[in-house]
PDB file of N, CA and C in Angstrom:
ATOM      1  N   MET A   1       3.557  -3.652  13.117  1.00  0.00           N
ATOM      2  CA  MET A   1       3.195  -5.013  12.970  1.00  0.00           C
ATOM      3  C   MET A   1       1.505  -4.938  13.251  1.00  0.00           C
ATOM      4  N   ARG A   2       0.824  -4.013  14.039  1.00  0.00           N
ATOM      5  CA  ARG A   2      -0.474  -4.125  14.248  1.00  0.00           C
ATOM      6  C   ARG A   2      -1.000  -3.729  12.954  1.00  0.00           C
ATOM      7  N   ARG A   3      -0.458  -2.690  12.329  1.00  0.00           N
ATOM      8  CA  ARG A   3      -0.881  -1.826  11.044  1.00  0.00           C
ATOM      9  C   ARG A   3      -0.993  -3.203   9.710  1.00  0.00           C
ATOM     10  N   PHE A   4       0.033  -3.945   9.950  1.00  0.00           N
ATOM     11  CA  PHE A   4       0.015  -4.873   8.963  1.00  0.00           C
ATOM     12  C   PHE A   4      -0.881  -6.204   9.047  1.00  0.00           C
ATOM     13  N   ALA A   5      -0.953  -6.637  10.482  1.00  0.00           N
ATOM     14  CA  ALA A   5      -2.124  -7.440  10.711  1.00  0.00           C
ATOM     15  C   ALA A   5      -3.644  -6.739  10.307  1.00  0.00           C
ATOM     16  N   LEU A   6      -3.852  -5.549  10.642  1.00  0.00           N
ATOM     17  CA  LEU A   6      -5.115  -4.979  10.560  1.00  0.00           C
ATOM     18  C   LEU A   6      -5.484  -4.925   8.629  1.00  0.00           C
ATOM     19  N   SER A   7      -4.188  -4.488   8.266  1.00  0.00           N
ATOM     20  CA  SER A   7      -4.374  -4.548   6.742  1.00  0.00           C
ATOM     21  C   SER A   7      -4.549  -5.684   6.028  1.00  0.00           C
ATOM     22  N   VAL A   8      -4.134  -6.928   6.513  1.00  0.00           N
ATOM     23  CA  VAL A   8      -4.295  -8.100   6.191  1.00  0.00           C
ATOM     24  C   VAL A   8      -5.668  -8.531   6.483  1.00  0.00           C
ATOM     25  N   VAL A   9      -6.401  -8.213   7.801  1.00  0.00           N
ATOM     26  CA  VAL A   9      -7.734  -8.609   8.046  1.00  0.00           C
ATOM     27  C   VAL A   9      -8.697  -7.749   7.158  1.00  0.00           C
ATOM     28  N   LEU A  10      -8.485  -6.663   6.700  1.00  0.00           N
ATOM     29  CA  LEU A  10      -9.181  -5.930   6.279  1.00  0.00           C
ATOM     30  C   LEU A  10      -9.088  -6.277   4.475  1.00  0.00           C
ATOM     31  N   LEU A  11      -8.107  -6.894   4.011  1.00  0.00           N
ATOM     32  CA  LEU A  11      -7.523  -7.165   2.677  1.00  0.00           C
ATOM     33  C   LEU A  11      -8.314  -8.483   2.664  1.00  0.00           C
ATOM     34  N   ILE A  12      -8.403  -9.199   3.669  1.00  0.00           N
ATOM     35  CA  ILE A  12      -9.591 -10.819   3.519  1.00  0.00           C
ATOM     36  C   ILE A  12     -10.898 -10.477   3.390  1.00  0.00           C
ATOM     37  N   SER A  13     -11.255  -9.656   4.325  1.00  0.00           N
ATOM     38  CA  SER A  13     -12.676  -8.925   4.600  1.00  0.00           C
ATOM     39  C   SER A  13     -13.005  -8.458   3.115  1.00  0.00           C
ATOM     40  N   PHE A  14     -12.159  -7.539   2.278  1.00  0.00           N
ATOM     41  CA  PHE A  14     -12.547  -7.209   1.280  1.00  0.00           C
ATOM     42  C   PHE A  14     -12.551  -8.160  -0.035  1.00  0.00           C
ATOM     43  N   CYS A  15     -11.789  -8.933   0.050  1.00  0.00           N
ATOM     44  CA  CYS A  15     -11.804 -10.340  -0.871  1.00  0.00           C
ATOM     45  C   CYS A  15     -12.994 -10.938  -0.805  1.00  0.00           C
ATOM     46  N   ALA A  16     -13.251 -11.310   0.515  1.00  0.00           N
ATOM     47  CA  ALA A  16     -14.365 -12.179   0.734  1.00  0.00           C
ATOM     48  C   ALA A  16     -15.713 -11.649   0.186  1.00  0.00           C
ATOM     49  N   LEU A  17     -15.755 -10.131   0.650  1.00  0.00           N
ATOM     50  CA  LEU A  17     -16.899  -9.466   0.111  1.00  0.00           C
ATOM     51  C   LEU A  17     -17.259  -9.181  -1.500  1.00  0.00           C
ATOM     52  N   VAL A  18     -16.257  -9.446  -2.151  1.00  0.00           N
ATOM     53  CA  VAL A  18     -15.912  -9.212  -3.539  1.00  0.00           C
ATOM     54  C   VAL A  18     -16.649 -10.838  -4.245  1.00  0.00           C
ATOM     55  N   ALA A  19     -15.817 -11.967  -3.516  1.00  0.00           N
ATOM     56  CA  ALA A  19     -16.046 -13.161  -4.204  1.00  0.00           C
ATOM     57  C   ALA A  19     -17.865 -13.651  -3.622  1.00  0.00           C
ATOM     58  N   ALA A  20     -18.257 -12.845  -2.787  1.00  0.00           N
ATOM     59  CA  ALA A  20     -19.635 -13.513  -2.319  1.00  0.00           C
ATOM     60  C   ALA A  20     -20.589 -13.024  -3.385  1.00  0.00           C
ATOM     61  N   GLU A  21     -21.737 -13.084  -3.823  1.00  0.00           N
ATOM     62  CA  GLU A  21     -22.522 -12.778  -4.472  1.00  0.00           C
ATOM     63  C   GLU A  21     -23.581 -11.679  -3.731  1.00  0.00           C
ATOM     64  N   ASP A  22     -23.923 -12.433  -2.457  1.00  0.00           N
ATOM     65  CA  ASP A  22     -25.010 -11.791  -1.422  1.00  0.00           C
ATOM     66  C   ASP A  22     -23.917 -11.397   0.028  1.00  0.00           C
ATOM     67  N   PRO A  23     -23.392 -10.457   0.067  1.00  0.00           N
ATOM     68  CA  PRO A  23     -22.475 -10.513   1.236  1.00  0.00           C
ATOM     69  C   PRO A  23     -23.395 -10.843   2.524  1.00  0.00           C
ATOM     70  N   PRO A  24     -22.870 -11.367   3.810  1.00  0.00           N
ATOM     71  CA  PRO A  24     -23.494 -11.376   4.889  1.00  0.00           C
ATOM     72  C   PRO A  24     -23.625 -10.210   5.673  1.00  0.00           C
ATOM     73  N   PRO A  25     -24.614  -9.944   6.356  1.00  0.00           N
ATOM     74  CA  PRO A  25     -24.785  -8.669   6.955  1.00  0.00           C
ATOM     75  C   PRO A  25     -23.388  -8.331   7.889  1.00  0.00           C
ATOM     76  N   GLY A  26     -22.894  -6.993   8.123  1.00  0.00           N
ATOM     77  CA  GLY A  26     -21.774  -7.210   8.874  1.00  0.00           C
ATOM     78  C   GLY A  26     -20.616  -6.969   8.382  1.00  0.00           C
ATOM     79  N   LEU A  27     -20.455  -7.398   7.366  1.00  0.00           N
ATOM     80  CA  LEU A  27     -19.146  -7.399   6.308  1.00  0.00           C
ATOM     81  C   LEU A  27     -18.786  -6.206   5.506  1.00  0.00           C
ATOM     82  N   LEU A  28     -17.748  -5.528   5.481  1.00  0.00           N
ATOM     83  CA  LEU A  28     -17.291  -4.293   5.195  1.00  0.00           C
ATOM     84  C   LEU A  28     -17.778  -4.401   3.734  1.00  0.00           C
ATOM     85  N   THR A  29     -18.148  -3.329   3.348  1.00  0.00           N
ATOM     86  CA  THR A  29     -18.438  -2.764   1.983  1.00  0.00           C
ATOM     87  C   THR A  29     -17.328  -2.240   1.374  1.00  0.00           C
ATOM     88  N   PRO A  30     -17.415  -2.357  -0.150  1.00  0.00           N
ATOM     89  CA  PRO A  30     -16.178  -1.833  -0.785  1.00  0.00           C
ATOM     90  C   PRO A  30     -15.872  -0.148  -0.215  1.00  0.00           C
ATOM     91  N   GLU A  31     -16.738   0.738   0.141  1.00  0.00           N
ATOM     92  CA  GLU A  31     -16.673   1.908   0.382  1.00  0.00           C
ATOM     93  C   GLU A  31     -16.209   1.992   1.835  1.00  0.00           C
ATOM     94  N   ASP A  32     -16.782   1.518   2.826  1.00  0.00           N
ATOM     95  CA  ASP A  32     -16.094   1.125   4.145  1.00  0.00           C
ATOM     96  C   ASP A  32     -14.774   0.651   3.986  1.00  0.00           C
ATOM     97  N   PHE A  33     -14.217  -0.389   3.286  1.00  0.00           N
ATOM     98  CA  PHE A  33     -12.847  -0.473   3.165  1.00  0.00           C
ATOM     99  C   PHE A  33     -11.942   0.614   2.898  1.00  0.00           C
ATOM    100  N   LEU A  34     -12.506   1.068   1.815  1.00  0.00           N
ATOM    101  CA  LEU A  34     -11.484   2.305   1.435  1.00  0.00           C
ATOM    102  C   LEU A  34     -11.469   3.503   2.029  1.00  0.00           C
ATOM    103  N   THR A  35     -12.677   3.506   2.909  1.00  0.00           N
ATOM    104  CA  THR A  35     -12.780   4.640   4.118  1.00  0.00           C
ATOM    105  C   THR A  35     -11.663   4.303   5.024  1.00  0.00           C
ATOM    106  N   LEU A  36     -11.770   3.284   5.504  1.00  0.00           N
ATOM    107  CA  LEU A  36     -10.843   2.565   6.628  1.00  0.00           C
ATOM    108  C   LEU A  36      -9.503   2.692   6.389  1.00  0.00           C
ATOM    109  N   HIS A  37      -8.937   2.186   4.999  1.00  0.00           N
ATOM    110  CA  HIS A  37      -7.874   2.290   4.490  1.00  0.00           C
ATOM    111  C   HIS A  37      -7.300   3.560   4.312  1.00  0.00           C
ATOM    112  N   LYS A  38      -8.070   4.365   3.903  1.00  0.00           N
ATOM    113  CA  LYS A  38      -7.507   5.866   4.030  1.00  0.00           C
ATOM    114  C   LYS A  38      -7.355   6.329   5.412  1.00  0.00           C
ATOM    115  N   ASP A  39      -8.065   6.199   6.148  1.00  0.00           N
ATOM    116  CA  ASP A  39      -7.849   6.654   7.813  1.00  0.00           C
ATOM    117  C   ASP A  39      -6.683   5.931   8.460  1.00  0.00           C
ATOM    118  N   LEU A  40      -6.597   4.670   7.943  1.00  0.00           N
ATOM    119  CA  LEU A  40      -5.359   3.804   8.612  1.00  0.00           C
ATOM    120  C   LEU A  40      -3.939   4.273   8.006  1.00  0.00           C
ATOM    121  N   ALA A  41      -4.073   4.862   6.867  1.00  0.00           N
ATOM    122  CA  ALA A  41      -2.991   5.080   5.981  1.00  0.00           C
ATOM    123  C   ALA A  41      -1.702   6.138   6.804  1.00  0.00           C
ATOM    124  N   LYS A  42      -0.714   6.078   6.404  1.00  0.00           N
ATOM    125  CA  LYS A  42       0.479   6.741   7.007  1.00  0.00           C
ATOM    126  C   LYS A  42       0.113   8.159   6.870  1.00  0.00           C
ATOM    127  N   CYS A  43       0.082   8.930   8.027  1.00  0.00           N
ATOM    128  CA  CYS A  43      -0.013  10.297   7.947  1.00  0.00           C
ATOM    129  C   CYS A  43       1.384  11.288   8.248  1.00  0.00           C
ATOM    130  N   PRO A  44       1.829  11.620   7.149  1.00  0.00           N
ATOM    131  CA  PRO A  44       3.299  12.091   7.635  1.00  0.00           C
ATOM    132  C   PRO A  44       3.141  13.266   8.705  1.00  0.00           C
ATOM    133  N   GLU A  45       2.248  14.065   8.918  1.00  0.00           N
ATOM    134  CA  GLU A  45       2.247  15.039   9.623  1.00  0.00           C
ATOM    135  C   GLU A  45       2.183  14.623  11.174  1.00  0.00           C
ATOM    136  N   GLU A  46       2.077  13.731  11.704  1.00  0.00           N
ATOM    137  CA  GLU A  46       2.237  13.006  12.778  1.00  0.00           C
ATOM    138  C   GLU A  46       3.680  13.262  13.437  1.00  0.00           C
ATOM    139  N   PRO A  47       3.627  13.882  14.667  1.00  0.00           N
ATOM    140  CA  PRO A  47       4.989  14.298  15.203  1.00  0.00           C
ATOM    141  C   PRO A  47       5.739  13.348  15.373  1.00  0.00           C
ATOM    142  N   TRP A  48       5.323  12.120  16.086  1.00  0.00           N
ATOM    143  CA  TRP A  48       6.055  10.984  16.355  1.00  0.00           C
ATOM    144  C   TRP A  48       7.126  10.123  14.904  1.00  0.00           C
ATOM    145  N   ARG A  49       6.238  10.511  13.691  1.00  0.00           N
ATOM    146  CA  ARG A  49       7.051  10.215  12.632  1.00  0.00           C
ATOM    147  C   ARG A  49       8.285  11.096  12.539  1.00  0.00           C
ATOM    148  N   THR A  50       8.296  12.230  13.208  1.00  0.00           N
ATOM    149  CA  THR A  50       9.950  12.989  12.664  1.00  0.00           C
ATOM    150  C   THR A  50      10.701  12.583  13.525  1.00  0.00           C
ATOM    151  N   ILE A  51      10.524  11.461  14.562  1.00  0.00           N
ATOM    152  CA  ILE A  51      11.789  11.293  15.579  1.00  0.00           C
ATOM    153  C   ILE A  51      12.671  10.024  14.589  1.00  0.00           C
ATOM    154  N   PRO A  52      13.712  10.349  14.337  1.00  0.00           N
ATOM    155  CA  PRO A  52      14.577   9.107  13.945  1.00  0.00           C
ATOM    156  C   PRO A  52      14.641   8.074  15.000  1.00  0.00           C
ATOM    157  N   TRP A  53      13.624   7.160  14.793  1.00  0.00           N
ATOM    158  CA  TRP A  53      13.777   5.865  16.002  1.00  0.00           C
ATOM    159  C   TRP A  53      14.881   4.951  15.519  1.00  0.00           C
ATOM    160  N   LYS A  54      15.579   4.284  16.337  1.00  0.00           N
ATOM    161  CA  LYS A  54      16.367   3.284  15.950  1.00  0.00           C
ATOM    162  C   LYS A  54      15.680   2.012  16.463  1.00  0.00           C
ATOM    163  N   THR A  55      16.087   0.960  16.060  1.00  0.00           N
ATOM    164  CA  THR A  55      15.837  -0.281  16.225  1.00  0.00           C
ATOM    165  C   THR A  55      16.792  -1.022  17.208  1.00  0.00           C
ATOM    166  N   SER A  56      17.785  -0.606  17.115  1.00  0.00           N
ATOM    167  CA  SER A  56      19.018  -1.270  17.693  1.00  0.00           C
ATOM    168  C   SER A  56      19.501  -0.211  19.096  1.00  0.00           C
ATOM    169  N   VAL A  57      19.285  -0.780  20.219  1.00  0.00           N
ATOM    170  CA  VAL A  57      19.594  -0.315  21.618  1.00  0.00           C
ATOM    171  C   VAL A  57      21.407   0.290  21.561  1.00  0.00           C
ATOM    172  N   LEU A  58      21.826  -0.325  20.981  1.00  0.00           N
ATOM    173  CA  LEU A  58      23.599  -0.326  20.874  1.00  0.00           C
ATOM    174  C   LEU A  58      23.733   1.278  19.878  1.00  0.00           C
ATOM    175  N   GLU A  59      23.015   0.920  19.121  1.00  0.00           N
ATOM    176  CA  GLU A  59      23.374   2.136  17.721  1.00  0.00           C
ATOM    177  C   GLU A  59      22.524   3.397  18.511  1.00  0.00           C
ATOM    178  N   GLY A  60      21.319   3.162  19.224  1.00  0.00           N
ATOM    179  CA  GLY A  60      20.906   4.645  19.613  1.00  0.00           C
ATOM    180  C   GLY A  60      21.896   5.156  20.977  1.00  0.00           C
ATOM    181  N   GLN A  61      22.288   4.165  21.836  1.00  0.00           N
ATOM    182  CA  GLN A  61      23.520   4.430  22.676  1.00  0.00           C
ATOM    183  C   GLN A  61      24.360   5.260  22.390  1.00  0.00           C
ATOM    184  N   ARG A  62      24.694   4.884  21.065  1.00  0.00           N
ATOM    185  CA  ARG A  62      26.085   5.527  20.404  1.00  0.00           C
ATOM    186  C   ARG A  62      25.895   6.768  19.749  1.00  0.00           C
ATOM    187  N   ILE A  63      24.717   6.905  19.101  1.00  0.00           N
ATOM    188  CA  ILE A  63      24.163   8.171  18.678  1.00  0.00           C
ATOM    189  C   ILE A  63      23.864   9.272  19.816  1.00  0.00           C
ATOM    190  N   ALA A  64      23.156   8.316  20.889  1.00  0.00           N
ATOM    191  CA  ALA A  64      22.774   9.794  22.251  1.00  0.00           C
ATOM    192  C   ALA A  64      24.160  10.037  22.761  1.00  0.00           C
ATOM    193  N   ALA A  65      25.131   9.350  22.681  1.00  0.00           N
ATOM    194  CA  ALA A  65      26.309   9.793  23.351  1.00  0.00           C
ATOM    195  C   ALA A  65      27.014  10.733  22.750  1.00  0.00           C
ATOM    196  N   VAL A  66      27.258  10.697  21.234  1.00  0.00           N
ATOM    197  CA  VAL A  66      27.662  11.504  20.495  1.00  0.00           C
ATOM    198  C   VAL A  66      26.909  13.014  20.625  1.00  0.00           C
ATOM    199  N   GLU A  67      25.576  12.764  20.319  1.00  0.00           N
ATOM    200  CA  GLU A  67      24.975  14.056  20.432  1.00  0.00           C
ATOM    201  C   GLU A  67      24.661  14.858  21.628  1.00  0.00           C
ATOM    202  N   GLY A  68      25.021  13.792  23.089  1.00  0.00           N
ATOM    203  CA  GLY A  68      24.516  14.289  24.115  1.00  0.00           C
ATOM    204  C   GLY A  68      23.222  14.294  24.482  1.00  0.00           C
ATOM    205  N   LYS A  69      22.167  13.310  23.981  1.00  0.00           N
ATOM    206  CA  LYS A  69      20.769  13.304  24.124  1.00  0.00           C
ATOM    207  C   LYS A  69      20.454  12.059  25.103  1.00  0.00           C
ATOM    208  N   PRO A  70      19.370  12.106  25.695  1.00  0.00           N
ATOM    209  CA  PRO A  70      18.933  10.831  26.486  1.00  0.00           C
ATOM    210  C   PRO A  70      18.274  10.026  25.359  1.00  0.00           C
ATOM    211  N   ILE A  71      18.316   8.753  26.218  1.00  0.00           N
ATOM    212  CA  ILE A  71      17.570   7.681  25.520  1.00  0.00           C
ATOM    213  C   ILE A  71      16.251   7.231  25.848  1.00  0.00           C
ATOM    214  N   PHE A  72      15.288   7.079  25.021  1.00  0.00           N
ATOM    215  CA  PHE A  72      13.916   6.808  25.346  1.00  0.00           C
ATOM    216  C   PHE A  72      13.818   5.445  24.894  1.00  0.00           C
ATOM    217  N   ILE A  73      13.593   4.206  25.796  1.00  0.00           N
ATOM    218  CA  ILE A  73      13.258   3.020  25.188  1.00  0.00           C
ATOM    219  C   ILE A  73      11.757   2.736  25.740  1.00  0.00           C
ATOM    220  N   TRP A  74      11.459   1.983  24.511  1.00  0.00           N
ATOM    221  CA  TRP A  74       9.587   1.737  24.599  1.00  0.00           C
ATOM    222  C   TRP A  74       9.602   0.274  24.607  1.00  0.00           C
ATOM    223  N   ALA A  75       9.453  -0.506  25.626  1.00  0.00           N
ATOM    224  CA  ALA A  75       9.466  -1.985  26.007  1.00  0.00           C
ATOM    225  C   ALA A  75       8.285  -2.304  26.121  1.00  0.00           C
ATOM    226  N   MET A  76       7.710  -3.558  25.560  1.00  0.00           N
ATOM    227  CA  MET A  76       6.468  -3.956  26.113  1.00  0.00           C
ATOM    228  C   MET A  76       6.181  -5.521  26.360  1.00  0.00           C
ATOM    229  N   ASP A  77       5.644  -6.040  27.214  1.00  0.00           N
ATOM    230  CA  ASP A  77       5.475  -7.367  27.590  1.00  0.00           C
ATOM    231  C   ASP A  77       4.363  -8.337  27.074  1.00  0.00           C
ATOM    232  N   GLY A  78       4.238  -9.200  26.309  1.00  0.00           N
ATOM    233  CA  GLY A  78       2.889  -9.776  25.914  1.00  0.00           C
ATOM    234  C   GLY A  78       3.145  -9.673  24.493  1.00  0.00           C
ATOM    235  N   HIS A  79       1.851 -10.072  23.794  1.00  0.00           N
ATOM    236  CA  HIS A  79       1.670 -10.189  22.352  1.00  0.00           C
ATOM    237  C   HIS A  79       1.655  -9.147  21.713  1.00  0.00           C
ATOM    238  N   PRO A  80       2.051  -8.710  20.510  1.00  0.00           N
ATOM    239  CA  PRO A  80       2.179  -7.300  20.020  1.00  0.00           C
ATOM    240  C   PRO A  80       0.834  -6.788  19.442  1.00  0.00           C
ATOM    241  N   LEU A  81      -0.120  -7.575  19.749  1.00  0.00           N
ATOM    242  CA  LEU A  81      -1.526  -7.302  19.249  1.00  0.00           C
ATOM    243  C   LEU A  81      -2.262  -7.255  20.407  1.00  0.00           C
ATOM    244  N   GLY A  82      -1.871  -7.399  21.530  1.00  0.00           N
ATOM    245  CA  GLY A  82      -2.666  -7.094  22.765  1.00  0.00           C
ATOM    246  C   GLY A  82      -3.266  -8.512  23.355  1.00  0.00           C
ATOM    247  N   CYS A  83      -3.292  -9.579  22.381  1.00  0.00           N
ATOM    248  CA  CYS A  83      -3.527 -10.952  22.450  1.00  0.00           C
ATOM    249  C   CYS A  83      -3.079 -11.571  23.642  1.00  0.00           C
ATOM    250  N   THR A  84      -3.176 -11.827  25.036  1.00  0.00           N
ATOM    251  CA  THR A  84      -2.367 -12.207  25.711  1.00  0.00           C
ATOM    252  C   THR A  84      -3.358 -13.409  26.562  1.00  0.00           C
TER     253      THR A  84
END
């Protein structure tokens, strides 16, 4: 969700930059946008991407019981973007 929200903000900034004849200072340039987009893109080499994450606790519990593996639950409290 965080990546989606950041992508939307970057896209809006990019559109504002393209629409403006003389963009205000501090706005992303097209080069900065492309650099940021590349840096935030999915990287398949990241180790956590190789884990078969489950979004259903019951499905994860069933699979863990069959495979004899523990369950790791990542839970959080508050707004997903950290704006509480």
